[in-house]
């Protein structure tokens, strides 16, 4: 991939982060096109991907990614990948002449999607019982793997046959693309499953970043960073509710100390629920989240919680619901796909080919006066009728914002917002402005705008008239290639638009998405409520094992005090307090 760009290195820390990241990388992979001029297109793929060579001299494109997970989390995926391995190695160096008995554990069974990927990588055809004629043989691309466009077209034809809800055990069960051998790092001290050696507490994660784990991470960072021409920074996805929260705090501190001046955008992700949850573990999850937020925010350009969970406290609200999505909130495979779609839009500003805003610029616009924690909202998918225009779609919202919380932070429309970045992605081929009839009265000010950006800007400013605002309008959609879950309403067309005619059974192949990343007074209330829930606990009585694994009581008290100080930065500068709990905070 030629040309200068501002490269980004991605880190995924934890199993749910790798769920979100796998969906996100699948979306990026679906948008790659190896056979056309890579200097065209709205988004610059080599911000995220690196070019390499196999031992056979074949060109490859792999994510500039470091993914950390625990022992037993990979299942069928090889840690070193398959692109850069050699075959036919000589084994004649074995000198033992006696009898040898080999015992092999049967490998984990692959689901139907992974089996089909293996067939495509080997140049075989996929059986398609629902179609009268098979596809043409799949050509090989220069990367030594199957051509990505052929994979997309072939798998799209059998998309309805993939129902992986019952077979996804780990994130590699739905991974589409090849990874670099230096991408995956397994932490062998802790188990992904089982009753023993679990990474459950913040202090366990903090203690991990030393010795071999630190050496291996630094080695991988140096490898990816040193080949960059212009590194703009790091995007970090980190599990927030388990011990990876402590590890992420140390990793962001390492990035801050070693790569000062680069952007560090940290997304603290959390599932709606955990399979092995209990009242005690729920307390762990809450404390891990609170400590992770304050520590990672301190070492990041900004920190954004990303979850469909209704809250991080002891009694969360119901999970976020979307009008045009029917998803199972208990399935990580489902909830992570929605967050990945939102993340695909929220990261657009520093991946644009033209007029991009580097990471540090986006962060500076949102984190004035030390307000390092921001919140996210999303309209997934953005509700637009087939054949209508953008002014009609926004006008139909009836003065209600179309997005839903993605950070467990309810939106308060009457609250002060200090800064906001709004992205609308995926309206390719749709009318962005209204075609005014001469002499007719426009329906609204939206219908008078001269460009799509002006339409979106006018709509957002009608709700946030005094808020500094950045608007991105990107036409290219998020392509939903298999095995993205088909969780969308049947009223949607294959392009993700609301259909006028009778719904069909065709799968949704792409969707428009609108997102907002905000720094608002509401974040202060969110942080204060989380802190108040934590200080109300008697950890020595309810969860003594949490303290036994660190941090020490004085350090814990200092972190919670830092969380209160952070929350107070979001008070309404216009006078008074936004939230009634301010006086309670003073009494804690």
Foldseek 3Di string as FASTA:
>chain_A
DDDAAAAAAEEQAEFLSLLLVLLLVVLLLLPDAPPDDQLDDFFRSRSFWDWDAAPVGFIDIAGNAAYEYAPPQQQPADLQWDLHDDPDDDPVVDDDPDDDDDDDDDGDDADPVVVVLVCQQVQHFDDDPVDDDTDDTFDPDSSSGTRSVVVQVRQLSVQVVDDCLPPDPGSNSFRRDIHHSLHYDYDHQAHPDDDPRHQFFQLVLLVPCDDPNVVSVVVSVCVSVVVHPHHQYYEYEFAQQGNSLNVLLVVLQVCCVPPPPHAYEYEHEYAQDDPPDDLLSLLRRLLSNLLSQLSNLVSHLAYEYFYQHLASFSDGDHGDDAPWFAFDSVGSSQRSSQSSQQVSFVPSQSRTSPNHDGNNRVSCQFQPPNLRYWWKKKHVFQAAAPPDEQLVSLVVCVLDDRIDGRRSQDDDLPFAFAAKEKEKEAQAPHHQEADDDPPDDDPDVLNVDDGNQRSVVVSVCVSHVPYHYHYYYYHHWRFDGPPRPQGTHQQADLSAYGYPDDGDPNGNGTGIMMMMITHTLSVLVSLVVSLVSSVVDPCVPSPVVNPVSDDDPVVSVVSSVSSNVSSVSRADPVDDGDDPCPVVVVVD
